[in-house]
Amino acid sequence: MHAIVAESPGKLIWTEVPERALQPGEVRIDVVAAGINRADLLQAAGKYPPPKGASEVMGLEVSGVITEIADRVSGWSVGQPVCALLAGGGYAENVTVPAGQVMPVPESVELAQAAALPEVACTVWSNVVMTAGLSAGELLLVHGGASGIGTHAIQVANALGCRVAVTAGSANKLELCTELGAEVAINYREEDFVDRLRAETDETGADVILDIMGAAYLDRNIDALATGGRLVIIGMQGGAKAELDIGKLLAKRASVTATALRSRPVAGPGSKTDIVAEVVANVWPMVADGRVRPIIGAEFPVQEAKAAQEMLDSGEVSGKVLLRVQD
């Protein structure tokens, strides 16, 4: 089969690679589209090797059609349109994936567009709801509100009956966040998000913060938390090491959690299979009735993966960037 391979750091080529053998408990999907994530950029640069046993090909989510089913798989059929959460392998003509990480395409979503959903849906639901316990009436602060994860988180939180505050770096991105349902839109280039959030909440703060920045925002995130607040860190775009003022946490009875999705096990407590099942049960109905929709900022032919990654890395695009593998 053909796939995108990092021939050297930063040099991506579309070339022939060996097709992975189908293992018991897996299905094979002919890929129609693949989503791009920041983890792919790191892997392309040689800074984020895939988990042991995963494909060396980049790509953590796809949509397509099932073409082959292995032993110990039930509930799926050849020819069925699906999308899937991967540990790798998505930038290719086909991919093998554990059946527990496969999802039906939500009603009202085109097959190619469904590739924009698995990573954001599983990341947001597992962190904001399963980990942080966001519930109706609470305030969620999302950093990077116009990103793929941010645009999805805004919509899901609204559907749960929550208020949403976001940070972003331009007027256009903040406008998109507001259109999607963000009540408080903060330009982090022009104002301190802690001061603005306190002003908007009568000094209360955010019940849950979904953070992609890590070290650079750690102290201010603690300041922005409400009493009993929960900070969930899912990225390190602002660095990996920072000093934590435990006294602030104690005073607020707050918590800090850091999670990763790619390295989770396929099955068992807290696994990808558990998260996927929760997403299908809880998020897919929101997508089906239009409360949540995929936000796609750009699409590229898979052969132009490098240009697509550069667009995502530039920070100029809002929502997801997709690679089209076939019609």
Protein backbone atom coordinates (compact mmCIF):
# COMPACT_ATOMS: atom_id res chain seq x y z
CA MET A 1 0.00 0.00 0.00
CA HIS A 2 0.99 3.67 -0.16
CA ALA A 3 1.51 5.84 2.91
CA ILE A 4 3.19 9.04 4.02
CA VAL A 5 6.64 8.33 5.46
CA ALA A 6 9.04 10.72 7.19
CA GLU A 7 12.12 10.04 5.08
CA SER A 8 14.05 12.40 7.34
CA PRO A 9 12.92 14.92 10.00
CA GLY A 10 10.53 17.29 8.23
CA LYS A 11 10.66 15.50 4.85
CA LEU A 12 7.44 13.62 4.09
CA ILE A 13 6.96 11.44 1.04
CA TRP A 14 4.08 9.35 -0.35
CA THR A 15 5.58 5.95 -1.04
CA GLU A 16 4.96 2.22 -0.96
CA VAL A 17 5.19 0.51 2.44
CA PRO A 18 4.37 -3.02 3.60
CA GLU A 19 0.72 -3.52 4.47
CA ARG A 20 0.27 -4.39 8.13
CA ALA A 21 -1.08 -7.86 8.86
CA LEU A 22 -4.54 -7.97 10.39
CA GLN A 23 -4.45 -9.27 13.98
CA PRO A 24 -7.25 -10.97 15.96
CA GLY A 25 -9.66 -8.39 17.32
CA GLU A 26 -8.91 -5.89 14.52
CA VAL A 27 -10.58 -4.58 11.39
CA ARG A 28 -9.01 -3.14 8.26
CA ILE A 29 -10.28 0.20 6.97
CA ASP A 30 -9.79 1.64 3.50
CA VAL A 31 -9.01 5.25 4.40
CA VAL A 32 -11.02 8.08 2.84
CA ALA A 33 -9.63 10.88 5.03
CA ALA A 34 -7.23 11.32 7.94
CA GLY A 35 -7.09 14.03 10.57
CA ILE A 36 -3.88 15.91 11.40
CA ASN A 37 -2.89 16.45 15.03
CA ARG A 38 0.04 18.17 16.71
CA ALA A 39 1.39 14.79 17.75
CA ASP A 40 1.92 14.12 14.04
CA LEU A 41 4.06 17.25 13.74
CA LEU A 42 6.24 16.08 16.61
CA GLN A 43 6.54 12.59 15.13
CA ALA A 44 7.47 14.02 11.72
CA ALA A 45 10.24 16.01 13.40
CA GLY A 46 11.59 12.87 15.08
CA LYS A 47 10.54 14.00 18.57
CA TYR A 48 7.57 11.70 19.32
CA PRO A 49 8.06 8.03 18.45
CA PRO A 50 4.89 5.91 18.25
CA PRO A 51 3.99 3.57 21.12
CA LYS A 52 5.50 0.10 21.05
CA GLY A 53 3.82 -2.04 18.42
CA ALA A 54 2.05 0.88 16.69
CA SER A 55 2.52 1.75 13.04
CA GLU A 56 5.47 4.00 12.21
CA VAL A 57 3.16 5.86 9.82
CA MET A 58 1.68 9.06 11.22
CA GLY A 59 -2.04 9.62 11.70
CA LEU A 60 -4.17 9.19 14.82
CA GLU A 61 -7.67 9.25 13.28
CA VAL A 62 -9.35 8.28 10.04
CA SER A 63 -12.66 7.77 8.33
CA GLY A 64 -13.30 5.16 5.69
CA VAL A 65 -14.90 1.81 4.90
CA ILE A 66 -14.28 -1.57 6.56
CA THR A 67 -12.75 -4.03 4.07
CA GLU A 68 -11.65 -6.91 6.30
CA ILE A 69 -12.59 -8.28 9.71
CA ALA A 70 -10.41 -10.55 11.85
CA ASP A 71 -11.35 -13.23 14.35
CA ARG A 72 -12.84 -12.15 17.69
CA VAL A 73 -14.66 -9.17 16.16
CA SER A 74 -18.42 -8.74 16.28
CA GLY A 75 -20.80 -5.88 15.55
CA TRP A 76 -19.05 -4.67 12.38
CA SER A 77 -19.45 -5.65 8.74
CA VAL A 78 -17.43 -5.35 5.53
CA GLY A 79 -18.51 -2.29 3.57
CA GLN A 80 -19.60 -0.35 6.66
CA PRO A 81 -18.60 3.35 6.76
CA VAL A 82 -16.76 4.15 10.00
CA CYS A 83 -14.29 6.43 11.70
CA ALA A 84 -11.62 5.32 14.13
CA LEU A 85 -9.17 6.38 16.81
CA LEU A 86 -5.64 5.13 16.10
CA ALA A 87 -2.26 4.79 17.78
CA GLY A 88 -0.78 5.51 14.34
CA GLY A 89 -1.05 4.60 10.68
CA GLY A 90 -3.71 7.01 9.41
CA TYR A 91 -1.76 8.71 6.60
CA ALA A 92 -2.15 5.65 4.37
CA GLU A 93 -4.40 3.88 1.89
CA ASN A 94 -5.57 1.47 4.58
CA VAL A 95 -5.08 0.91 8.29
CA THR A 96 -5.65 -1.85 10.83
CA VAL A 97 -7.26 -0.90 14.14
CA PRO A 98 -8.64 -2.69 17.22
CA ALA A 99 -12.40 -3.05 16.84
CA GLY A 100 -12.97 -1.28 20.16
CA GLN A 101 -11.55 1.92 18.67
CA VAL A 102 -13.91 1.93 15.68
CA MET A 103 -17.01 4.14 15.65
CA PRO A 104 -19.98 4.44 13.33
CA VAL A 105 -20.13 7.65 11.30
CA PRO A 106 -22.58 9.92 13.13
CA GLU A 107 -25.80 10.75 11.35
CA SER A 108 -25.66 14.07 9.47
CA VAL A 109 -21.86 13.87 8.95
CA GLU A 110 -20.27 13.08 5.58
CA LEU A 111 -17.80 10.21 5.57
CA ALA A 112 -14.70 12.34 4.86
CA GLN A 113 -15.67 14.92 7.49
CA ALA A 114 -15.98 12.17 10.10
CA ALA A 115 -12.16 11.96 10.15
CA ALA A 116 -12.23 15.27 12.07
CA LEU A 117 -14.06 13.74 15.02
CA PRO A 118 -12.31 10.77 16.74
CA GLU A 119 -9.35 12.56 18.36
CA VAL A 120 -11.21 15.70 19.44
CA ALA A 121 -14.27 13.81 20.66
CA CYS A 122 -12.28 11.26 22.65
CA THR A 123 -9.89 13.89 24.03
CA VAL A 124 -12.61 16.31 25.12
CA TRP A 125 -15.01 13.77 26.59
CA SER A 126 -12.33 11.75 28.42
CA ASN A 127 -10.78 14.85 29.97
CA VAL A 128 -13.59 17.31 30.48
CA VAL A 129 -16.29 14.86 31.54
CA MET A 130 -14.78 11.49 32.49
CA THR A 131 -11.78 13.02 34.32
CA ALA A 132 -12.84 16.52 35.40
CA GLY A 133 -16.54 15.77 35.86
CA LEU A 134 -17.87 18.90 34.15
CA SER A 135 -21.60 19.21 34.79
CA ALA A 136 -24.48 21.50 33.89
CA GLY A 137 -24.17 25.04 35.20
CA GLU A 138 -20.39 24.97 35.55
CA LEU A 139 -17.89 27.17 33.68
CA LEU A 140 -15.30 25.60 31.38
CA LEU A 141 -12.22 27.58 30.30
CA VAL A 142 -10.62 26.28 27.10
CA HIS A 143 -7.19 27.47 26.01
CA GLY A 144 -6.80 27.41 22.23
CA GLY A 145 -10.52 27.83 21.74
CA ALA A 146 -10.33 27.92 17.92
CA SER A 147 -8.30 24.71 17.64
CA GLY A 148 -9.86 21.39 16.69
CA ILE A 149 -10.12 20.41 20.34
CA GLY A 150 -11.26 23.88 21.38
CA THR A 151 -14.06 24.20 18.83
CA HIS A 152 -15.33 20.75 19.80
CA ALA A 153 -15.08 21.43 23.54
CA ILE A 154 -17.14 24.63 23.22
CA GLN A 155 -19.97 22.79 21.53
CA VAL A 156 -19.98 19.80 23.88
CA ALA A 157 -19.93 22.01 26.97
CA ASN A 158 -22.84 24.04 25.61
CA ALA A 159 -24.77 20.84 24.93
CA LEU A 160 -24.18 19.83 28.57
CA GLY A 161 -25.65 23.14 29.76
CA CYS A 162 -22.35 24.75 30.75
CA ARG A 163 -20.91 28.22 30.25
CA VAL A 164 -17.71 28.46 28.24
CA ALA A 165 -14.76 30.86 28.27
CA VAL A 166 -11.95 30.62 25.74
CA THR A 167 -8.58 32.11 24.93
CA ALA A 168 -7.35 32.67 21.38
CA GLY A 169 -4.89 34.95 19.61
CA SER A 170 -6.92 36.80 16.99
CA ALA A 171 -10.25 38.54 16.46
CA ASN A 172 -11.27 36.06 13.77
CA LYS A 173 -10.64 33.08 16.02
CA LEU A 174 -12.50 34.68 18.92
CA GLU A 175 -15.42 35.43 16.61
CA LEU A 176 -15.61 31.76 15.61
CA CYS A 177 -15.54 30.72 19.27
CA THR A 178 -18.38 33.11 20.05
CA GLU A 179 -20.43 31.80 17.11
CA LEU A 180 -19.98 28.28 18.47
CA GLY A 181 -21.25 29.30 21.90
CA ALA A 182 -18.37 30.72 23.94
CA GLU A 183 -19.71 33.31 26.37
CA VAL A 184 -16.34 34.83 27.30
CA ALA A 185 -13.76 35.29 24.51
CA ILE A 186 -10.30 36.44 25.64
CA ASN A 187 -7.50 37.60 23.33
CA TYR A 188 -4.43 36.35 25.21
CA ARG A 189 -2.22 38.72 23.23
CA GLU A 190 -4.04 41.78 24.56
CA GLU A 191 -5.23 40.93 28.08
CA ASP A 192 -4.48 38.63 30.98
CA PHE A 193 -6.96 35.76 30.95
CA VAL A 194 -7.01 35.53 34.76
CA ASP A 195 -8.04 39.16 35.22
CA ARG A 196 -10.70 38.92 32.52
CA LEU A 197 -12.10 35.66 33.85
CA ARG A 198 -12.32 37.01 37.39
CA ALA A 199 -14.11 40.11 36.11
CA GLU A 200 -16.58 38.00 34.15
CA THR A 201 -17.31 35.63 37.05
CA ASP A 202 -17.45 38.00 40.04
CA GLU A 203 -14.04 36.71 41.14
CA THR A 204 -15.26 33.08 41.13
CA GLY A 205 -13.16 31.60 38.34
CA ALA A 206 -13.49 28.48 36.20
CA ASP A 207 -14.77 25.15 37.47
CA VAL A 208 -12.79 23.23 34.82
CA ILE A 209 -9.83 24.34 32.68
CA LEU A 210 -8.76 22.38 29.61
CA ASP A 211 -5.14 23.38 28.98
CA ILE A 212 -2.82 22.75 26.03
CA MET A 213 -0.01 25.04 27.22
CA GLY A 214 1.43 23.25 30.22
CA ALA A 215 4.26 24.97 32.07
CA ALA A 216 3.77 28.51 30.76
CA TYR A 217 0.19 28.68 32.05
CA LEU A 218 0.39 26.51 35.17
CA ASP A 219 0.51 29.24 37.83
CA ARG A 220 -2.06 31.45 36.14
CA ASN A 221 -4.34 28.48 35.57
CA ILE A 222 -4.34 27.82 39.32
CA ASP A 223 -5.21 31.49 39.87
CA ALA A 224 -8.08 31.16 37.40
CA LEU A 225 -9.63 28.11 39.07
CA ALA A 226 -12.73 28.36 41.22
CA THR A 227 -12.88 26.72 44.64
CA GLY A 228 -13.04 23.01 43.96
CA GLY A 229 -11.82 23.64 40.40
CA ARG A 230 -10.16 21.03 38.21
CA LEU A 231 -7.28 21.77 35.85
CA VAL A 232 -6.68 19.16 33.14
CA ILE A 233 -3.45 19.49 31.15
CA ILE A 234 -3.35 17.77 27.77
CA GLY A 235 -0.45 19.55 26.05
CA MET A 236 2.94 21.14 26.57
CA GLN A 237 3.04 23.85 23.90
CA GLY A 238 4.28 26.22 26.62
CA GLY A 239 6.89 23.89 28.09
CA ALA A 240 7.08 20.83 30.33
CA LYS A 241 8.48 22.12 33.65
CA ALA A 242 7.09 24.75 36.02
CA GLU A 243 6.83 25.43 39.74
CA LEU A 244 3.52 24.52 41.36
CA ASP A 245 2.27 26.52 44.34
CA ILE A 246 0.66 23.76 46.41
CA GLY A 247 -0.63 26.36 48.85
CA LYS A 248 -2.91 27.78 46.18
CA LEU A 249 -4.26 24.31 45.45
CA LEU A 250 -4.88 23.66 49.14
CA ALA A 251 -6.69 26.97 49.60
CA LYS A 252 -8.99 26.25 46.67
CA ARG A 253 -9.35 22.51 47.29
CA ALA A 254 -8.44 22.23 43.61
CA SER A 255 -6.83 19.50 41.53
CA VAL A 256 -4.38 19.23 38.65
CA THR A 257 -4.45 16.25 36.29
CA ALA A 258 -2.35 15.55 33.22
CA THR A 259 -3.45 12.96 30.68
CA ALA A 260 -2.49 11.48 27.30
CA LEU A 261 -4.73 9.59 24.90
CA ARG A 262 -2.33 7.92 22.47
CA SER A 263 -0.50 5.86 25.09
CA ARG A 264 -3.62 4.49 26.78
CA PRO A 265 -4.17 0.72 26.54
CA VAL A 266 -6.64 -0.70 24.04
CA ALA A 267 -8.78 -2.37 26.71
CA GLY A 268 -9.28 -2.22 30.46
CA PRO A 269 -10.10 0.60 32.89
CA GLY A 270 -9.46 4.03 31.36
CA SER A 271 -8.71 2.45 27.98
CA LYS A 272 -9.36 3.71 24.49
CA THR A 273 -12.15 1.15 24.14
CA ASP A 274 -13.90 2.58 27.22
CA ILE A 275 -13.50 6.15 25.99
CA VAL A 276 -14.76 5.32 22.49
CA ALA A 277 -17.84 3.63 23.93
CA GLU A 278 -18.56 6.69 26.09
CA VAL A 279 -18.16 9.01 23.10
CA VAL A 280 -20.52 6.98 20.91
CA ALA A 281 -23.11 6.84 23.68
CA ASN A 282 -22.93 10.49 24.72
CA VAL A 283 -21.38 12.66 22.00
CA TRP A 284 -22.67 11.02 18.83
CA PRO A 285 -26.31 11.92 19.69
CA MET A 286 -25.16 15.56 20.02
CA VAL A 287 -23.62 15.34 16.56
CA ALA A 288 -26.64 13.61 15.08
CA ASP A 289 -29.04 16.35 16.19
CA GLY A 290 -26.71 19.20 15.19
CA ARG A 291 -25.68 20.47 18.62
CA VAL A 292 -22.09 19.49 17.80
CA ARG A 293 -20.52 19.54 14.33
CA PRO A 294 -17.00 19.00 13.01
CA ILE A 295 -15.18 22.29 12.36
CA ILE A 296 -12.82 21.82 9.42
CA GLY A 297 -10.45 24.64 8.55
CA ALA A 298 -8.66 23.08 5.57
CA GLU A 299 -8.33 19.93 3.46
CA PHE A 300 -5.31 18.73 1.47
CA PRO A 301 -4.60 15.71 -0.74
CA VAL A 302 -2.65 13.21 1.32
CA GLN A 303 0.37 13.68 -0.95
CA GLU A 304 0.56 17.28 0.38
CA ALA A 305 0.85 16.18 4.01
CA LYS A 306 3.86 18.40 4.63
CA ALA A 307 2.00 21.54 3.52
CA ALA A 308 -0.97 20.51 5.64
CA GLN A 309 1.22 20.05 8.71
CA GLU A 310 2.85 23.41 8.09
CA MET A 311 -0.57 25.06 8.01
CA LEU A 312 -1.50 23.51 11.35
CA ASP A 313 1.87 24.47 12.82
CA SER A 314 1.46 28.10 11.68
CA GLY A 315 -1.49 28.61 14.00
CA GLU A 316 -3.37 30.40 11.22
CA VAL A 317 -6.04 27.75 10.73
CA SER A 318 -9.13 27.26 12.92
CA GLY A 319 -10.63 23.83 13.52
CA LYS A 320 -9.24 20.63 12.04
CA VAL A 321 -6.98 20.07 9.04
CA LEU A 322 -7.79 16.94 7.01
CA LEU A 323 -5.91 14.84 4.45
CA ARG A 324 -8.02 13.36 1.65
CA VAL A 325 -6.76 9.92 0.69
CA GLN A 326 -9.52 8.98 -1.76
CA ASP A 327 -13.07 9.94 -2.76
